[in-house]
């Protein structure tokens, strides 16, 4: 937990760094790419929020909390995106209909 007077300058510093990287986004040098990679890695860890004693306060072992603190966050909380599921289903139906049509034309 941090006080707002400490978090605002930290966030402003991150924003200034992002603006500097954005200014030179067309550069393809190895140094610039490394700076971007470092920035992205730090940004992923910026909002890693958990109570300092979370693991000792939890009586049931929480694998999810431990996996969230790892790099890359392999798991997430959220429901199934039904819109995307329906889009995928319609795409599959269209592809199968096109295949059936193509097979009928080839015969």
N, C-alpha and C. Protein backbone atom coordinates (compact mmCIF):
# COMPACT_ATOMS: atom_id res chain seq x y z
N UNK A 1 0.85 -1.17 0.00
CA UNK A 1 0.00 0.00 0.00
C UNK A 1 0.89 1.23 0.00
N UNK A 2 0.58 2.17 -0.84
CA UNK A 2 1.35 3.40 -0.92
C UNK A 2 0.40 4.59 -0.79
N UNK A 3 0.97 5.66 -0.30
CA UNK A 3 0.21 6.89 -0.20
C UNK A 3 0.09 7.53 -1.58
N UNK A 4 -1.02 8.24 -1.83
CA UNK A 4 -1.19 8.90 -3.14
C UNK A 4 -0.06 9.86 -3.46
N UNK A 5 0.51 10.52 -2.44
CA UNK A 5 1.59 11.46 -2.74
C UNK A 5 2.83 10.75 -3.27
N UNK A 6 2.95 9.44 -3.03
CA UNK A 6 4.07 8.68 -3.56
C UNK A 6 3.74 8.01 -4.89
N UNK A 7 2.47 7.71 -5.11
CA UNK A 7 2.09 7.00 -6.33
C UNK A 7 1.99 7.92 -7.54
N UNK A 8 1.54 9.14 -7.33
CA UNK A 8 1.37 10.06 -8.46
C UNK A 8 2.69 10.35 -9.15
N UNK A 9 3.77 10.70 -8.43
CA UNK A 9 5.04 10.92 -9.13
C UNK A 9 5.56 9.66 -9.83
N UNK A 10 5.32 8.51 -9.23
CA UNK A 10 5.76 7.27 -9.85
C UNK A 10 5.02 7.03 -11.16
N UNK A 11 3.72 7.26 -11.15
CA UNK A 11 2.93 7.08 -12.37
C UNK A 11 3.30 8.12 -13.42
N UNK A 12 3.57 9.34 -13.00
CA UNK A 12 4.00 10.38 -13.94
C UNK A 12 5.34 10.03 -14.57
N UNK A 13 6.22 9.41 -13.81
CA UNK A 13 7.52 8.99 -14.33
C UNK A 13 7.34 7.90 -15.39
N UNK A 14 6.45 6.95 -15.11
CA UNK A 14 6.16 5.90 -16.09
C UNK A 14 5.57 6.50 -17.35
N UNK A 15 4.67 7.47 -17.19
CA UNK A 15 4.06 8.13 -18.35
C UNK A 15 5.11 8.87 -19.18
N UNK A 16 6.02 9.57 -18.51
CA UNK A 16 7.08 10.29 -19.22
C UNK A 16 7.99 9.33 -19.98
N UNK A 17 8.27 8.20 -19.37
CA UNK A 17 9.10 7.20 -20.05
C UNK A 17 8.37 6.66 -21.28
N UNK A 18 7.06 6.42 -21.14
CA UNK A 18 6.27 5.94 -22.28
C UNK A 18 6.26 6.97 -23.41
N UNK A 19 6.12 8.26 -23.05
CA UNK A 19 6.14 9.31 -24.08
C UNK A 19 7.47 9.33 -24.81
N UNK A 20 8.57 9.14 -24.08
CA UNK A 20 9.88 9.10 -24.71
C UNK A 20 10.02 7.93 -25.66
N UNK A 21 9.51 6.78 -25.27
CA UNK A 21 9.55 5.61 -26.15
C UNK A 21 8.64 5.81 -27.36
N UNK A 22 7.50 6.44 -27.15
CA UNK A 22 6.55 6.68 -28.23
C UNK A 22 7.14 7.65 -29.27
N UNK A 23 7.89 8.61 -28.77
CA UNK A 23 8.48 9.62 -29.66
C UNK A 23 9.42 8.97 -30.68
N UNK A 24 10.11 7.92 -30.25
CA UNK A 24 11.09 7.27 -31.12
C UNK A 24 10.64 5.87 -31.53
N UNK A 25 9.33 5.69 -31.71
CA UNK A 25 8.82 4.36 -32.00
C UNK A 25 9.24 3.83 -33.37
N UNK A 26 9.64 4.70 -34.28
CA UNK A 26 10.03 4.24 -35.61
C UNK A 26 11.48 3.76 -35.65
N UNK A 27 12.22 3.97 -34.59
CA UNK A 27 13.61 3.49 -34.55
C UNK A 27 13.61 1.98 -34.45
N UNK A 28 14.48 1.37 -35.18
CA UNK A 28 14.56 -0.09 -35.16
C UNK A 28 15.87 -0.57 -34.56
N UNK A 29 16.54 0.27 -33.79
CA UNK A 29 17.82 -0.13 -33.21
C UNK A 29 17.61 -1.15 -32.10
N UNK A 30 18.64 -1.93 -31.86
CA UNK A 30 18.58 -2.96 -30.82
C UNK A 30 18.40 -2.33 -29.45
N UNK A 31 19.04 -1.21 -29.19
CA UNK A 31 18.94 -0.53 -27.91
C UNK A 31 17.51 -0.09 -27.63
N UNK A 32 16.87 0.48 -28.66
CA UNK A 32 15.50 0.96 -28.48
C UNK A 32 14.55 -0.22 -28.22
N UNK A 33 14.76 -1.32 -28.92
CA UNK A 33 13.91 -2.50 -28.70
C UNK A 33 14.09 -3.03 -27.29
N UNK A 34 15.32 -3.04 -26.79
CA UNK A 34 15.57 -3.50 -25.42
C UNK A 34 14.86 -2.60 -24.42
N UNK A 35 14.93 -1.28 -24.65
CA UNK A 35 14.24 -0.34 -23.75
C UNK A 35 12.74 -0.59 -23.76
N UNK A 36 12.17 -0.86 -24.94
CA UNK A 36 10.74 -1.14 -25.02
C UNK A 36 10.40 -2.43 -24.28
N UNK A 37 11.22 -3.46 -24.46
CA UNK A 37 10.96 -4.72 -23.78
C UNK A 37 11.03 -4.56 -22.26
N UNK A 38 12.00 -3.81 -21.78
CA UNK A 38 12.13 -3.57 -20.34
C UNK A 38 10.92 -2.80 -19.83
N UNK A 39 10.47 -1.80 -20.59
CA UNK A 39 9.31 -1.01 -20.19
C UNK A 39 8.06 -1.88 -20.11
N UNK A 40 7.86 -2.73 -21.10
CA UNK A 40 6.68 -3.59 -21.11
C UNK A 40 6.71 -4.56 -19.93
N UNK A 41 7.88 -5.11 -19.63
CA UNK A 41 7.99 -6.04 -18.51
C UNK A 41 7.69 -5.33 -17.19
N UNK A 42 8.19 -4.11 -17.02
CA UNK A 42 7.91 -3.36 -15.80
C UNK A 42 6.45 -2.96 -15.73
N UNK A 43 5.85 -2.64 -16.87
CA UNK A 43 4.45 -2.24 -16.89
C UNK A 43 3.55 -3.41 -16.49
N UNK A 44 3.91 -4.63 -16.88
CA UNK A 44 3.12 -5.79 -16.49
C UNK A 44 3.13 -5.98 -14.98
N UNK A 45 4.21 -5.64 -14.33
CA UNK A 45 4.32 -5.81 -12.88
C UNK A 45 3.84 -4.59 -12.10
N UNK A 46 3.52 -3.50 -12.77
CA UNK A 46 3.15 -2.26 -12.10
C UNK A 46 1.88 -2.42 -11.28
N UNK A 47 0.90 -3.11 -11.82
CA UNK A 47 -0.39 -3.23 -11.15
C UNK A 47 -0.56 -4.60 -10.49
N UNK A 48 0.53 -5.19 -10.04
CA UNK A 48 0.49 -6.45 -9.32
C UNK A 48 0.05 -6.14 -7.89
N UNK A 49 -1.24 -6.31 -7.64
CA UNK A 49 -1.82 -5.88 -6.37
C UNK A 49 -2.22 -7.09 -5.54
N UNK A 50 -1.68 -7.17 -4.34
CA UNK A 50 -2.08 -8.20 -3.38
C UNK A 50 -1.69 -7.69 -2.00
N UNK A 51 -2.39 -8.17 -0.99
CA UNK A 51 -2.06 -7.80 0.38
C UNK A 51 -0.67 -8.33 0.70
N UNK A 52 0.09 -7.60 1.48
CA UNK A 52 1.46 -8.00 1.80
C UNK A 52 1.51 -9.36 2.49
N UNK A 53 0.53 -9.67 3.32
CA UNK A 53 0.49 -10.94 4.04
C UNK A 53 -0.60 -11.86 3.48
N UNK A 54 -0.90 -11.75 2.21
CA UNK A 54 -2.01 -12.50 1.63
C UNK A 54 -1.83 -14.00 1.79
N UNK A 55 -0.63 -14.50 1.57
CA UNK A 55 -0.43 -15.94 1.63
C UNK A 55 -0.55 -16.47 3.06
N UNK A 56 -0.23 -15.66 4.05
CA UNK A 56 -0.37 -16.12 5.44
C UNK A 56 -1.80 -15.96 5.93
N UNK A 57 -2.55 -15.01 5.36
CA UNK A 57 -3.94 -14.80 5.78
C UNK A 57 -4.89 -15.84 5.20
N UNK A 58 -4.55 -16.39 4.05
CA UNK A 58 -5.41 -17.36 3.39
C UNK A 58 -5.25 -18.71 4.08
N UNK A 59 -6.38 -19.29 4.47
CA UNK A 59 -6.33 -20.59 5.14
C UNK A 59 -6.29 -21.74 4.14
N UNK A 60 -6.91 -21.55 2.98
CA UNK A 60 -6.88 -22.55 1.92
C UNK A 60 -5.82 -22.12 0.91
N UNK A 61 -4.91 -23.00 0.52
CA UNK A 61 -3.88 -22.60 -0.44
C UNK A 61 -4.50 -22.13 -1.75
N UNK A 62 -4.10 -20.98 -2.17
CA UNK A 62 -4.65 -20.41 -3.40
C UNK A 62 -3.59 -20.46 -4.49
N UNK A 63 -3.74 -21.40 -5.38
CA UNK A 63 -2.80 -21.54 -6.50
C UNK A 63 -2.95 -20.35 -7.44
N UNK A 64 -4.16 -19.84 -7.53
CA UNK A 64 -4.41 -18.72 -8.44
C UNK A 64 -3.59 -17.50 -8.05
N UNK A 65 -3.55 -17.15 -6.76
CA UNK A 65 -2.81 -15.98 -6.32
C UNK A 65 -1.32 -16.15 -6.59
N UNK A 66 -0.81 -17.33 -6.37
CA UNK A 66 0.60 -17.58 -6.64
C UNK A 66 0.90 -17.46 -8.13
N UNK A 67 0.01 -17.96 -8.98
CA UNK A 67 0.25 -17.89 -10.42
C UNK A 67 0.15 -16.46 -10.93
N UNK A 68 -0.64 -15.62 -10.27
CA UNK A 68 -0.77 -14.23 -10.70
C UNK A 68 0.50 -13.44 -10.43
N UNK A 69 1.29 -13.85 -9.46
CA UNK A 69 2.52 -13.11 -9.15
C UNK A 69 3.66 -13.51 -10.06
N UNK A 70 3.50 -14.59 -10.83
CA UNK A 70 4.53 -15.01 -11.77
C UNK A 70 4.51 -14.11 -12.99
N UNK A 71 5.60 -14.11 -13.74
CA UNK A 71 5.66 -13.32 -14.96
C UNK A 71 4.73 -13.91 -16.00
N UNK A 72 4.02 -13.05 -16.70
CA UNK A 72 3.14 -13.47 -17.77
C UNK A 72 1.72 -13.73 -17.36
N UNK A 73 1.43 -13.92 -16.10
CA UNK A 73 0.08 -14.17 -15.58
C UNK A 73 -0.66 -15.20 -16.45
N UNK A 74 -0.32 -16.51 -16.32
CA UNK A 74 -0.92 -17.51 -17.18
C UNK A 74 -2.42 -17.73 -16.95
N UNK A 75 -2.94 -17.35 -15.80
CA UNK A 75 -4.35 -17.55 -15.52
C UNK A 75 -5.01 -16.20 -15.29
N UNK A 76 -6.32 -16.17 -15.46
CA UNK A 76 -7.03 -14.92 -15.24
C UNK A 76 -8.44 -15.22 -14.76
N UNK A 77 -9.05 -14.24 -14.15
CA UNK A 77 -10.43 -14.36 -13.73
C UNK A 77 -11.28 -13.76 -14.83
N UNK A 78 -12.29 -14.47 -15.22
CA UNK A 78 -13.18 -13.92 -16.23
C UNK A 78 -14.04 -15.02 -16.81
N UNK A 79 -15.14 -14.63 -17.36
CA UNK A 79 -16.03 -15.59 -17.96
C UNK A 79 -15.67 -15.82 -19.41
N UNK A 80 -16.42 -16.69 -20.01
CA UNK A 80 -16.22 -16.99 -21.42
C UNK A 80 -16.79 -15.84 -22.23
N UNK A 81 -16.05 -15.41 -23.22
CA UNK A 81 -16.50 -14.33 -24.09
C UNK A 81 -17.49 -14.93 -25.10
N UNK A 82 -18.76 -14.78 -24.79
CA UNK A 82 -19.79 -15.41 -25.60
C UNK A 82 -19.88 -14.81 -26.99
N UNK A 83 -19.56 -13.55 -27.13
CA UNK A 83 -19.59 -12.92 -28.46
C UNK A 83 -18.55 -13.58 -29.34
N UNK A 84 -17.33 -13.78 -28.81
CA UNK A 84 -16.28 -14.42 -29.59
C UNK A 84 -16.63 -15.88 -29.88
N UNK A 85 -17.26 -16.56 -28.94
CA UNK A 85 -17.67 -17.96 -29.16
C UNK A 85 -18.66 -18.03 -30.31
N UNK A 86 -19.63 -17.11 -30.33
CA UNK A 86 -20.62 -17.10 -31.41
C UNK A 86 -19.97 -16.77 -32.75
N UNK A 87 -19.02 -15.85 -32.75
CA UNK A 87 -18.31 -15.52 -34.00
C UNK A 87 -17.55 -16.73 -34.51
N UNK A 88 -16.86 -17.43 -33.62
CA UNK A 88 -16.11 -18.62 -34.03
C UNK A 88 -17.05 -19.69 -34.57
N UNK A 89 -18.21 -19.84 -33.93
CA UNK A 89 -19.19 -20.84 -34.38
C UNK A 89 -19.70 -20.49 -35.78
N UNK A 90 -20.02 -19.21 -36.00
CA UNK A 90 -20.50 -18.79 -37.32
C UNK A 90 -19.42 -18.96 -38.38
N UNK A 91 -18.17 -18.67 -38.02
CA UNK A 91 -17.08 -18.85 -38.96
C UNK A 91 -16.93 -20.31 -39.34
N UNK A 92 -17.01 -21.20 -38.35
CA UNK A 92 -16.92 -22.63 -38.63
C UNK A 92 -18.06 -23.09 -39.52
N UNK A 93 -19.27 -22.61 -39.25
CA UNK A 93 -20.43 -22.98 -40.06
C UNK A 93 -20.26 -22.51 -41.50
N UNK A 94 -19.78 -21.30 -41.69
CA UNK A 94 -19.56 -20.77 -43.04
C UNK A 94 -18.49 -21.58 -43.77
N UNK A 95 -17.43 -21.92 -43.05
CA UNK A 95 -16.36 -22.70 -43.68
C UNK A 95 -16.84 -24.09 -44.06
N UNK A 96 -17.62 -24.72 -43.19
CA UNK A 96 -18.12 -26.06 -43.52
C UNK A 96 -19.12 -25.99 -44.67
N UNK A 97 -19.95 -24.95 -44.72
CA UNK A 97 -20.88 -24.79 -45.84
C UNK A 97 -20.12 -24.56 -47.14
N UNK A 98 -19.06 -23.79 -47.08
CA UNK A 98 -18.25 -23.56 -48.28
C UNK A 98 -17.58 -24.84 -48.72
N UNK A 99 -17.12 -25.64 -47.78
CA UNK A 99 -16.50 -26.92 -48.12
C UNK A 99 -17.51 -27.87 -48.75
N UNK A 100 -18.72 -27.91 -48.18
CA UNK A 100 -19.77 -28.77 -48.75
C UNK A 100 -20.12 -28.32 -50.16
N UNK A 101 -20.20 -27.01 -50.36
CA UNK A 101 -20.51 -26.46 -51.68
C UNK A 101 -19.40 -26.80 -52.66
N UNK A 102 -18.16 -26.65 -52.23
CA UNK A 102 -17.00 -26.94 -53.08
C UNK A 102 -16.98 -28.42 -53.45
N UNK A 103 -17.30 -29.32 -52.52
CA UNK A 103 -17.33 -30.74 -52.81
C UNK A 103 -18.44 -31.07 -53.78
N UNK A 104 -19.59 -30.39 -53.67
CA UNK A 104 -20.71 -30.62 -54.59
C UNK A 104 -20.39 -30.14 -55.99
N UNK A 105 -19.64 -29.05 -56.13
CA UNK A 105 -19.28 -28.52 -57.44
C UNK A 105 -18.23 -29.41 -58.11
N UNK A 106 -17.32 -29.97 -57.33
CA UNK A 106 -16.24 -30.78 -57.89
C UNK A 106 -16.74 -32.12 -58.41
N UNK A 107 -17.87 -32.61 -57.91
CA UNK A 107 -18.39 -33.92 -58.36
C UNK A 107 -18.95 -33.89 -59.71
